[in-house]
Amino acid sequence: MDALNLGAAARDKYKGHEVQYYLDIYNEVRAETIAELKKRDDKWFEEIQPSSDISNHYCWFHVMEHQSSHLGQILFLAKRIPPEVELTIPEPIKD
C-alpha cells in the first residue's frame, strides 16, 4: 500500500492525475468502507483493540473526524479556484 507510506512510490503513483482520478479512488474507498461497516454491530464498535486500550468506536470516530476535516479543506480550496477563462483568438487581419 504505497499511499500508507507516503514515500517516493506513493508520489510516483498518485501525483499529477486529473481530479476525476482522485474522486474515483475516494468513491471506491468510501463504498468499500460503507459495505464493511454495514457488517459490524454495536458490540464490534465497543471492542477494545488488542494492541492498545482504545475501542473500535474511538478509532472510527477519529477516522470520520479526520475525513470531515479534509472535506472542509477541500471545499474551502475549491471555492477559491478561479473559473476557467475561455480564450478567443481574433480573426487574422486580412490585407
PDB file of N, CA and C in Angstrom:
ATOM      1  N   MET A   1       0.837  -1.180   0.000  1.00  0.00           N
ATOM      2  CA  MET A   1       0.000   0.000   0.000  1.00  0.00           C
ATOM      3  C   MET A   1       0.885   1.248   0.000  1.00  0.00           C
ATOM      4  N   ASP A   2       1.141   1.725  -1.169  1.00  0.00           N
ATOM      5  CA  ASP A   2       2.005   2.889  -1.336  1.00  0.00           C
ATOM      6  C   ASP A   2       1.479   4.123  -0.603  1.00  0.00           C
ATOM      7  N   ALA A   3       0.173   4.307  -0.614  1.00  0.00           N
ATOM      8  CA  ALA A   3      -0.400   5.518  -0.021  1.00  0.00           C
ATOM      9  C   ALA A   3      -0.156   5.592   1.484  1.00  0.00           C
ATOM     10  N   LEU A   4      -0.077   4.456   2.155  1.00  0.00           N
ATOM     11  CA  LEU A   4       0.140   4.471   3.604  1.00  0.00           C
ATOM     12  C   LEU A   4       1.549   4.913   3.968  1.00  0.00           C
ATOM     13  N   ASN A   5       2.508   4.670   3.095  1.00  0.00           N
ATOM     14  CA  ASN A   5       3.892   5.016   3.396  1.00  0.00           C
ATOM     15  C   ASN A   5       4.240   6.447   3.010  1.00  0.00           C
ATOM     16  N   LEU A   6       3.501   7.020   2.086  1.00  0.00           N
ATOM     17  CA  LEU A   6       3.700   8.400   1.641  1.00  0.00           C
ATOM     18  C   LEU A   6       5.139   8.701   1.246  1.00  0.00           C
ATOM     19  N   GLY A   7       5.784   7.751   0.642  1.00  0.00           N
ATOM     20  CA  GLY A   7       7.154   7.933   0.173  1.00  0.00           C
ATOM     21  C   GLY A   7       7.191   8.190  -1.317  1.00  0.00           C
ATOM     22  N   ALA A   8       8.341   7.949  -1.915  1.00  0.00           N
ATOM     23  CA  ALA A   8       8.543   8.198  -3.341  1.00  0.00           C
ATOM     24  C   ALA A   8       7.591   7.350  -4.193  1.00  0.00           C
ATOM     25  N   ALA A   9       7.363   6.107  -3.796  1.00  0.00           N
ATOM     26  CA  ALA A   9       6.471   5.241  -4.575  1.00  0.00           C
ATOM     27  C   ALA A   9       5.056   5.817  -4.612  1.00  0.00           C
ATOM     28  N   ALA A  10       4.590   6.332  -3.486  1.00  0.00           N
ATOM     29  CA  ALA A  10       3.256   6.934  -3.440  1.00  0.00           C
ATOM     30  C   ALA A  10       3.196   8.190  -4.299  1.00  0.00           C
ATOM     31  N   ARG A  11       4.222   9.013  -4.214  1.00  0.00           N
ATOM     32  CA  ARG A  11       4.252  10.227  -5.044  1.00  0.00           C
ATOM     33  C   ARG A  11       4.213   9.865  -6.516  1.00  0.00           C
ATOM     34  N   ASP A  12       5.010   8.877  -6.913  1.00  0.00           N
ATOM     35  CA  ASP A  12       5.043   8.472  -8.316  1.00  0.00           C
ATOM     36  C   ASP A  12       3.694   7.925  -8.777  1.00  0.00           C
ATOM     37  N   LYS A  13       3.029   7.212  -7.890  1.00  0.00           N
ATOM     38  CA  LYS A  13       1.768   6.566  -8.259  1.00  0.00           C
ATOM     39  C   LYS A  13       0.586   7.535  -8.259  1.00  0.00           C
ATOM     40  N   TYR A  14       0.542   8.462  -7.312  1.00  0.00           N
ATOM     41  CA  TYR A  14      -0.660   9.265  -7.111  1.00  0.00           C
ATOM     42  C   TYR A  14      -0.548  10.729  -7.523  1.00  0.00           C
ATOM     43  N   LYS A  15       0.598  11.196  -7.839  1.00  0.00           N
ATOM     44  CA  LYS A  15       0.772  12.616  -8.150  1.00  0.00           C
ATOM     45  C   LYS A  15       0.550  12.892  -9.640  1.00  0.00           C
ATOM     46  N   GLY A  16      -0.071  14.039  -9.927  1.00  0.00           N
ATOM     47  CA  GLY A  16      -0.159  14.520 -11.292  1.00  0.00           C
ATOM     48  C   GLY A  16      -1.327  14.031 -12.129  1.00  0.00           C
ATOM     49  N   HIS A  17      -2.347  13.472 -11.506  1.00  0.00           N
ATOM     50  CA  HIS A  17      -3.512  12.979 -12.248  1.00  0.00           C
ATOM     51  C   HIS A  17      -4.601  14.055 -12.312  1.00  0.00           C
ATOM     52  N   GLU A  18      -5.550  13.830 -13.187  1.00  0.00           N
ATOM     53  CA  GLU A  18      -6.725  14.691 -13.262  1.00  0.00           C
ATOM     54  C   GLU A  18      -7.564  14.496 -11.996  1.00  0.00           C
ATOM     55  N   VAL A  19      -8.388  15.482 -11.677  1.00  0.00           N
ATOM     56  CA  VAL A  19      -9.203  15.440 -10.465  1.00  0.00           C
ATOM     57  C   VAL A  19     -10.083  14.195 -10.422  1.00  0.00           C
ATOM     58  N   GLN A  20     -10.630  13.794 -11.557  1.00  0.00           N
ATOM     59  CA  GLN A  20     -11.537  12.644 -11.577  1.00  0.00           C
ATOM     60  C   GLN A  20     -10.851  11.365 -11.088  1.00  0.00           C
ATOM     61  N   TYR A  21      -9.561  11.232 -11.342  1.00  0.00           N
ATOM     62  CA  TYR A  21      -8.790  10.073 -10.867  1.00  0.00           C
ATOM     63  C   TYR A  21      -8.890   9.971  -9.343  1.00  0.00           C
ATOM     64  N   TYR A  22      -8.700  11.093  -8.659  1.00  0.00           N
ATOM     65  CA  TYR A  22      -8.743  11.110  -7.198  1.00  0.00           C
ATOM     66  C   TYR A  22     -10.163  10.910  -6.685  1.00  0.00           C
ATOM     67  N   LEU A  23     -11.137  11.494  -7.372  1.00  0.00           N
ATOM     68  CA  LEU A  23     -12.525  11.317  -6.967  1.00  0.00           C
ATOM     69  C   LEU A  23     -12.959   9.860  -7.123  1.00  0.00           C
ATOM     70  N   ASP A  24     -12.496   9.207  -8.169  1.00  0.00           N
ATOM     71  CA  ASP A  24     -12.815   7.789  -8.366  1.00  0.00           C
ATOM     72  C   ASP A  24     -12.248   6.936  -7.235  1.00  0.00           C
ATOM     73  N   ILE A  25     -11.015   7.199  -6.845  1.00  0.00           N
ATOM     74  CA  ILE A  25     -10.405   6.461  -5.722  1.00  0.00           C
ATOM     75  C   ILE A  25     -11.197   6.731  -4.444  1.00  0.00           C
ATOM     76  N   TYR A  26     -11.520   7.995  -4.194  1.00  0.00           N
ATOM     77  CA  TYR A  26     -12.283   8.377  -2.996  1.00  0.00           C
ATOM     78  C   TYR A  26     -13.614   7.625  -2.950  1.00  0.00           C
ATOM     79  N   ASN A  27     -14.345   7.630  -4.068  1.00  0.00           N
ATOM     80  CA  ASN A  27     -15.650   6.977  -4.099  1.00  0.00           C
ATOM     81  C   ASN A  27     -15.543   5.463  -3.950  1.00  0.00           C
ATOM     82  N   GLU A  28     -14.498   4.874  -4.508  1.00  0.00           N
ATOM     83  CA  GLU A  28     -14.285   3.428  -4.376  1.00  0.00           C
ATOM     84  C   GLU A  28     -13.991   3.058  -2.922  1.00  0.00           C
ATOM     85  N   VAL A  29     -13.127   3.791  -2.283  1.00  0.00           N
ATOM     86  CA  VAL A  29     -12.784   3.521  -0.884  1.00  0.00           C
ATOM     87  C   VAL A  29     -13.990   3.763   0.019  1.00  0.00           C
ATOM     88  N   ARG A  30     -14.733   4.829  -0.264  1.00  0.00           N
ATOM     89  CA  ARG A  30     -15.920   5.145   0.533  1.00  0.00           C
ATOM     90  C   ARG A  30     -16.948   4.022   0.430  1.00  0.00           C
ATOM     91  N   ALA A  31     -17.194   3.530  -0.773  1.00  0.00           N
ATOM     92  CA  ALA A  31     -18.165   2.440  -0.964  1.00  0.00           C
ATOM     93  C   ALA A  31     -17.724   1.177  -0.229  1.00  0.00           C
ATOM     94  N   GLU A  32     -16.442   0.861  -0.302  1.00  0.00           N
ATOM     95  CA  GLU A  32     -15.936  -0.327   0.395  1.00  0.00           C
ATOM     96  C   GLU A  32     -16.034  -0.154   1.911  1.00  0.00           C
ATOM     97  N   THR A  33     -15.748   1.041   2.397  1.00  0.00           N
ATOM     98  CA  THR A  33     -15.840   1.320   3.834  1.00  0.00           C
ATOM     99  C   THR A  33     -17.273   1.160   4.319  1.00  0.00           C
ATOM    100  N   ILE A  34     -18.217   1.716   3.583  1.00  0.00           N
ATOM    101  CA  ILE A  34     -19.630   1.601   3.964  1.00  0.00           C
ATOM    102  C   ILE A  34     -20.060   0.137   3.972  1.00  0.00           C
ATOM    103  N   ALA A  35     -19.662  -0.609   2.961  1.00  0.00           N
ATOM    104  CA  ALA A  35     -20.021  -2.036   2.899  1.00  0.00           C
ATOM    105  C   ALA A  35     -19.465  -2.794   4.102  1.00  0.00           C
ATOM    106  N   GLU A  36     -18.230  -2.505   4.477  1.00  0.00           N
ATOM    107  CA  GLU A  36     -17.618  -3.190   5.626  1.00  0.00           C
ATOM    108  C   GLU A  36     -18.265  -2.767   6.941  1.00  0.00           C
ATOM    109  N   LEU A  37     -18.581  -1.492   7.093  1.00  0.00           N
ATOM    110  CA  LEU A  37     -19.204  -1.030   8.341  1.00  0.00           C
ATOM    111  C   LEU A  37     -20.615  -1.600   8.510  1.00  0.00           C
ATOM    112  N   LYS A  38     -21.292  -1.870   7.410  1.00  0.00           N
ATOM    113  CA  LYS A  38     -22.628  -2.472   7.486  1.00  0.00           C
ATOM    114  C   LYS A  38     -22.569  -3.882   8.074  1.00  0.00           C
ATOM    115  N   LYS A  39     -21.407  -4.520   8.005  1.00  0.00           N
ATOM    116  CA  LYS A  39     -21.235  -5.866   8.557  1.00  0.00           C
ATOM    117  C   LYS A  39     -21.012  -5.842  10.069  1.00  0.00           C
ATOM    118  N   ARG A  40     -20.771  -4.667  10.631  1.00  0.00           N
ATOM    119  CA  ARG A  40     -20.432  -4.545  12.046  1.00  0.00           C
ATOM    120  C   ARG A  40     -21.664  -4.141  12.858  1.00  0.00           C
ATOM    121  N   ASP A  41     -21.660  -4.544  14.115  1.00  0.00           N
ATOM    122  CA  ASP A  41     -22.743  -4.138  15.002  1.00  0.00           C
ATOM    123  C   ASP A  41     -22.180  -3.324  16.167  1.00  0.00           C
ATOM    124  N   ASP A  42     -23.052  -2.895  17.073  1.00  0.00           N
ATOM    125  CA  ASP A  42     -22.622  -2.066  18.200  1.00  0.00           C
ATOM    126  C   ASP A  42     -21.596  -2.784  19.075  1.00  0.00           C
ATOM    127  N   LYS A  43     -21.760  -4.085  19.196  1.00  0.00           N
ATOM    128  CA  LYS A  43     -20.824  -4.859  20.016  1.00  0.00           C
ATOM    129  C   LYS A  43     -19.403  -4.769  19.442  1.00  0.00           C
ATOM    130  N   TRP A  44     -19.287  -4.834  18.126  1.00  0.00           N
ATOM    131  CA  TRP A  44     -17.967  -4.709  17.480  1.00  0.00           C
ATOM    132  C   TRP A  44     -17.360  -3.338  17.765  1.00  0.00           C
ATOM    133  N   PHE A  45     -18.197  -2.286  17.698  1.00  0.00           N
ATOM    134  CA  PHE A  45     -17.680  -0.945  17.969  1.00  0.00           C
ATOM    135  C   PHE A  45     -17.190  -0.802  19.409  1.00  0.00           C
ATOM    136  N   GLU A  46     -17.758  -1.564  20.330  1.00  0.00           N
ATOM    137  CA  GLU A  46     -17.343  -1.491  21.733  1.00  0.00           C
ATOM    138  C   GLU A  46     -16.047  -2.257  22.005  1.00  0.00           C
ATOM    139  N   GLU A  47     -15.666  -3.159  21.104  1.00  0.00           N
ATOM    140  CA  GLU A  47     -14.461  -3.971  21.326  1.00  0.00           C
ATOM    141  C   GLU A  47     -13.218  -3.094  21.426  1.00  0.00           C
ATOM    142  N   ILE A  48     -12.327  -3.508  22.318  1.00  0.00           N
ATOM    143  CA  ILE A  48     -11.058  -2.814  22.520  1.00  0.00           C
ATOM    144  C   ILE A  48     -10.006  -3.467  21.631  1.00  0.00           C
ATOM    145  N   GLN A  49      -9.225  -2.657  20.962  1.00  0.00           N
ATOM    146  CA  GLN A  49      -8.144  -3.169  20.115  1.00  0.00           C
ATOM    147  C   GLN A  49      -7.081  -3.841  20.982  1.00  0.00           C
ATOM    148  N   PRO A  50      -6.646  -5.048  20.624  1.00  0.00           N
ATOM    149  CA  PRO A  50      -5.663  -5.775  21.437  1.00  0.00           C
ATOM    150  C   PRO A  50      -4.325  -5.031  21.567  1.00  0.00           C
ATOM    151  N   SER A  51      -3.952  -4.275  20.545  1.00  0.00           N
ATOM    152  CA  SER A  51      -2.649  -3.602  20.565  1.00  0.00           C
ATOM    153  C   SER A  51      -2.672  -2.282  21.333  1.00  0.00           C
ATOM    154  N   SER A  52      -3.854  -1.880  21.812  1.00  0.00           N
ATOM    155  CA  SER A  52      -3.949  -0.620  22.556  1.00  0.00           C
ATOM    156  C   SER A  52      -5.134  -0.704  23.503  1.00  0.00           C
ATOM    157  N   ASP A  53      -5.438   0.389  24.138  1.00  0.00           N
ATOM    158  CA  ASP A  53      -6.579   0.384  25.055  1.00  0.00           C
ATOM    159  C   ASP A  53      -7.721   1.240  24.516  1.00  0.00           C
ATOM    160  N   ILE A  54      -7.867   1.263  23.194  1.00  0.00           N
ATOM    161  CA  ILE A  54      -8.932   2.061  22.592  1.00  0.00           C
ATOM    162  C   ILE A  54      -9.920   1.163  21.852  1.00  0.00           C
ATOM    163  N   SER A  55     -11.152   1.626  21.778  1.00  0.00           N
ATOM    164  CA  SER A  55     -12.206   0.839  21.142  1.00  0.00           C
ATOM    165  C   SER A  55     -12.272   1.110  19.640  1.00  0.00           C
ATOM    166  N   ASN A  56     -12.955   0.209  18.951  1.00  0.00           N
ATOM    167  CA  ASN A  56     -13.198   0.412  17.525  1.00  0.00           C
ATOM    168  C   ASN A  56     -14.012   1.685  17.296  1.00  0.00           C
ATOM    169  N   HIS A  57     -14.931   1.972  18.207  1.00  0.00           N
ATOM    170  CA  HIS A  57     -15.717   3.202  18.103  1.00  0.00           C
ATOM    171  C   HIS A  57     -14.806   4.422  18.122  1.00  0.00           C
ATOM    172  N   TYR A  58     -13.863   4.447  19.037  1.00  0.00           N
ATOM    173  CA  TYR A  58     -12.924   5.568  19.117  1.00  0.00           C
ATOM    174  C   TYR A  58     -12.124   5.694  17.822  1.00  0.00           C
ATOM    175  N   CYS A  59     -11.655   4.567  17.299  1.00  0.00           N
ATOM    176  CA  CYS A  59     -10.868   4.582  16.058  1.00  0.00           C
ATOM    177  C   CYS A  59     -11.683   5.127  14.898  1.00  0.00           C
ATOM    178  N   TRP A  60     -12.919   4.639  14.740  1.00  0.00           N
ATOM    179  CA  TRP A  60     -13.732   5.092  13.613  1.00  0.00           C
ATOM    180  C   TRP A  60     -14.222   6.515  13.791  1.00  0.00           C
ATOM    181  N   PHE A  61     -14.445   6.937  15.022  1.00  0.00           N
ATOM    182  CA  PHE A  61     -14.790   8.342  15.251  1.00  0.00           C
ATOM    183  C   PHE A  61     -13.634   9.223  14.774  1.00  0.00           C
ATOM    184  N   HIS A  62     -12.412   8.831  15.098  1.00  0.00           N
ATOM    185  CA  HIS A  62     -11.232   9.581  14.677  1.00  0.00           C
ATOM    186  C   HIS A  62     -11.124   9.608  13.147  1.00  0.00           C
ATOM    187  N   VAL A  63     -11.355   8.482  12.496  1.00  0.00           N
ATOM    188  CA  VAL A  63     -11.292   8.427  11.033  1.00  0.00           C
ATOM    189  C   VAL A  63     -12.313   9.377  10.423  1.00  0.00           C
ATOM    190  N   MET A  64     -13.548   9.340  10.907  1.00  0.00           N
ATOM    191  CA  MET A  64     -14.602  10.189  10.348  1.00  0.00           C
ATOM    192  C   MET A  64     -14.341  11.667  10.626  1.00  0.00           C
ATOM    193  N   GLU A  65     -13.830  11.972  11.797  1.00  0.00           N
ATOM    194  CA  GLU A  65     -13.493  13.359  12.130  1.00  0.00           C
ATOM    195  C   GLU A  65     -12.384  13.868  11.208  1.00  0.00           C
ATOM    196  N   HIS A  66     -11.411  13.024  10.952  1.00  0.00           N
ATOM    197  CA  HIS A  66     -10.294  13.367  10.076  1.00  0.00           C
ATOM    198  C   HIS A  66     -10.796  13.601   8.649  1.00  0.00           C
ATOM    199  N   GLN A  67     -11.645  12.716   8.161  1.00  0.00           N
ATOM    200  CA  GLN A  67     -12.197  12.843   6.814  1.00  0.00           C
ATOM    201  C   GLN A  67     -13.022  14.113   6.700  1.00  0.00           C
ATOM    202  N   SER A  68     -13.803  14.414   7.700  1.00  0.00           N
ATOM    203  CA  SER A  68     -14.629  15.621   7.691  1.00  0.00           C
ATOM    204  C   SER A  68     -13.766  16.873   7.624  1.00  0.00           C
ATOM    205  N   SER A  69     -12.677  16.862   8.348  1.00  0.00           N
ATOM    206  CA  SER A  69     -11.756  17.993   8.326  1.00  0.00           C
ATOM    207  C   SER A  69     -11.167  18.187   6.937  1.00  0.00           C
ATOM    208  N   HIS A  70     -10.756  17.092   6.308  1.00  0.00           N
ATOM    209  CA  HIS A  70     -10.194  17.195   4.956  1.00  0.00           C
ATOM    210  C   HIS A  70     -11.246  17.659   3.952  1.00  0.00           C
ATOM    211  N   LEU A  71     -12.483  17.190   4.107  1.00  0.00           N
ATOM    212  CA  LEU A  71     -13.534  17.626   3.204  1.00  0.00           C
ATOM    213  C   LEU A  71     -13.735  19.135   3.327  1.00  0.00           C
ATOM    214  N   GLY A  72     -13.701  19.638   4.542  1.00  0.00           N
ATOM    215  CA  GLY A  72     -13.804  21.080   4.751  1.00  0.00           C
ATOM    216  C   GLY A  72     -12.668  21.831   4.063  1.00  0.00           C
ATOM    217  N   GLN A  73     -11.468  21.288   4.155  1.00  0.00           N
ATOM    218  CA  GLN A  73     -10.317  21.914   3.489  1.00  0.00           C
ATOM    219  C   GLN A  73     -10.496  21.902   1.978  1.00  0.00           C
ATOM    220  N   ILE A  74     -10.968  20.787   1.447  1.00  0.00           N
ATOM    221  CA  ILE A  74     -11.177  20.667   0.005  1.00  0.00           C
ATOM    222  C   ILE A  74     -12.221  21.679  -0.467  1.00  0.00           C
ATOM    223  N   LEU A  75     -13.335  21.782   0.258  1.00  0.00           N
ATOM    224  CA  LEU A  75     -14.379  22.727  -0.125  1.00  0.00           C
ATOM    225  C   LEU A  75     -13.883  24.163  -0.028  1.00  0.00           C
ATOM    226  N   PHE A  76     -13.096  24.460   0.993  1.00  0.00           N
ATOM    227  CA  PHE A  76     -12.503  25.791   1.155  1.00  0.00           C
ATOM    228  C   PHE A  76     -11.642  26.137  -0.051  1.00  0.00           C
ATOM    229  N   LEU A  77     -10.795  25.210  -0.460  1.00  0.00           N
ATOM    230  CA  LEU A  77      -9.917  25.456  -1.608  1.00  0.00           C
ATOM    231  C   LEU A  77     -10.698  25.509  -2.920  1.00  0.00           C
ATOM    232  N   ALA A  78     -11.695  24.651  -3.064  1.00  0.00           N
ATOM    233  CA  ALA A  78     -12.469  24.614  -4.306  1.00  0.00           C
ATOM    234  C   ALA A  78     -13.173  25.943  -4.562  1.00  0.00           C
ATOM    235  N   LYS A  79     -13.633  26.600  -3.505  1.00  0.00           N
ATOM    236  CA  LYS A  79     -14.304  27.889  -3.667  1.00  0.00           C
ATOM    237  C   LYS A  79     -13.347  28.975  -4.137  1.00  0.00           C
ATOM    238  N   ARG A  80     -12.069  28.748  -3.975  1.00  0.00           N
ATOM    239  CA  ARG A  80     -11.077  29.761  -4.330  1.00  0.00           C
ATOM    240  C   ARG A  80     -10.409  29.527  -5.682  1.00  0.00           C
ATOM    241  N   ILE A  81     -10.806  28.465  -6.354  1.00  0.00           N
ATOM    242  CA  ILE A  81     -10.264  28.206  -7.693  1.00  0.00           C
ATOM    243  C   ILE A  81     -11.011  29.095  -8.671  1.00  0.00           C
ATOM    244  N   PRO A  82     -10.295  29.957  -9.366  1.00  0.00           N
ATOM    245  CA  PRO A  82     -10.993  30.838 -10.304  1.00  0.00           C
ATOM    246  C   PRO A  82     -11.563  30.036 -11.473  1.00  0.00           C
ATOM    247  N   PRO A  83     -12.676  30.503 -12.019  1.00  0.00           N
ATOM    248  CA  PRO A  83     -13.247  29.779 -13.167  1.00  0.00           C
ATOM    249  C   PRO A  83     -12.309  29.859 -14.361  1.00  0.00           C
ATOM    250  N   GLU A  84     -12.389  28.831 -15.182  1.00  0.00           N
ATOM    251  CA  GLU A  84     -11.549  28.818 -16.377  1.00  0.00           C
ATOM    252  C   GLU A  84     -12.034  29.901 -17.334  1.00  0.00           C
ATOM    253  N   VAL A  85     -11.093  30.612 -17.884  1.00  0.00           N
ATOM    254  CA  VAL A  85     -11.410  31.663 -18.840  1.00  0.00           C
ATOM    255  C   VAL A  85     -11.273  31.090 -20.242  1.00  0.00           C
ATOM    256  N   GLU A  86     -12.311  31.295 -21.039  1.00  0.00           N
ATOM    257  CA  GLU A  86     -12.257  30.803 -22.406  1.00  0.00           C
ATOM    258  C   GLU A  86     -11.502  31.820 -23.251  1.00  0.00           C
ATOM    259  N   LEU A  87     -10.455  31.368 -23.883  1.00  0.00           N
ATOM    260  CA  LEU A  87      -9.653  32.240 -24.732  1.00  0.00           C
ATOM    261  C   LEU A  87     -10.214  32.226 -26.141  1.00  0.00           C
ATOM    262  N   THR A  88     -10.288  33.412 -26.723  1.00  0.00           N
ATOM    263  CA  THR A  88     -10.717  33.506 -28.112  1.00  0.00           C
ATOM    264  C   THR A  88      -9.582  34.124 -28.911  1.00  0.00           C
ATOM    265  N   ILE A  89      -9.347  33.560 -30.031  1.00  0.00           N
ATOM    266  CA  ILE A  89      -8.291  34.065 -30.911  1.00  0.00           C
ATOM    267  C   ILE A  89      -8.962  34.945 -31.962  1.00  0.00           C
ATOM    268  N   PRO A  90      -8.525  36.189 -32.067  1.00  0.00           N
ATOM    269  CA  PRO A  90      -9.150  37.069 -33.057  1.00  0.00           C
ATOM    270  C   PRO A  90      -8.887  36.577 -34.487  1.00  0.00           C
ATOM    271  N   GLU A  91      -9.789  36.937 -35.352  1.00  0.00           N
ATOM    272  CA  GLU A  91      -9.634  36.603 -36.754  1.00  0.00           C
ATOM    273  C   GLU A  91      -8.353  37.235 -37.265  1.00  0.00           C
ATOM    274  N   PRO A  92      -7.635  36.520 -38.133  1.00  0.00           N
ATOM    275  CA  PRO A  92      -6.421  37.128 -38.681  1.00  0.00           C
ATOM    276  C   PRO A  92      -6.763  38.387 -39.521  1.00  0.00           C
ATOM    277  N   ILE A  93      -5.889  39.341 -39.445  1.00  0.00           N
ATOM    278  CA  ILE A  93      -6.073  40.578 -40.218  1.00  0.00           C
ATOM    279  C   ILE A  93      -5.845  40.271 -41.691  1.00  0.00           C
ATOM    280  N   LYS A  94      -6.796  40.697 -42.514  1.00  0.00           N
ATOM    281  CA  LYS A  94      -6.674  40.455 -43.954  1.00  0.00           C
ATOM    282  C   LYS A  94      -6.229  41.751 -44.623  1.00  0.00           C
ATOM    283  N   ASP A  95      -5.346  41.625 -45.576  1.00  0.00           N
ATOM    284  CA  ASP A  95      -4.851  42.806 -46.305  1.00  0.00           C
ATOM    285  C   ASP A  95      -5.886  43.337 -47.234  1.00  0.00           C
TER     286      ASP A  95
END
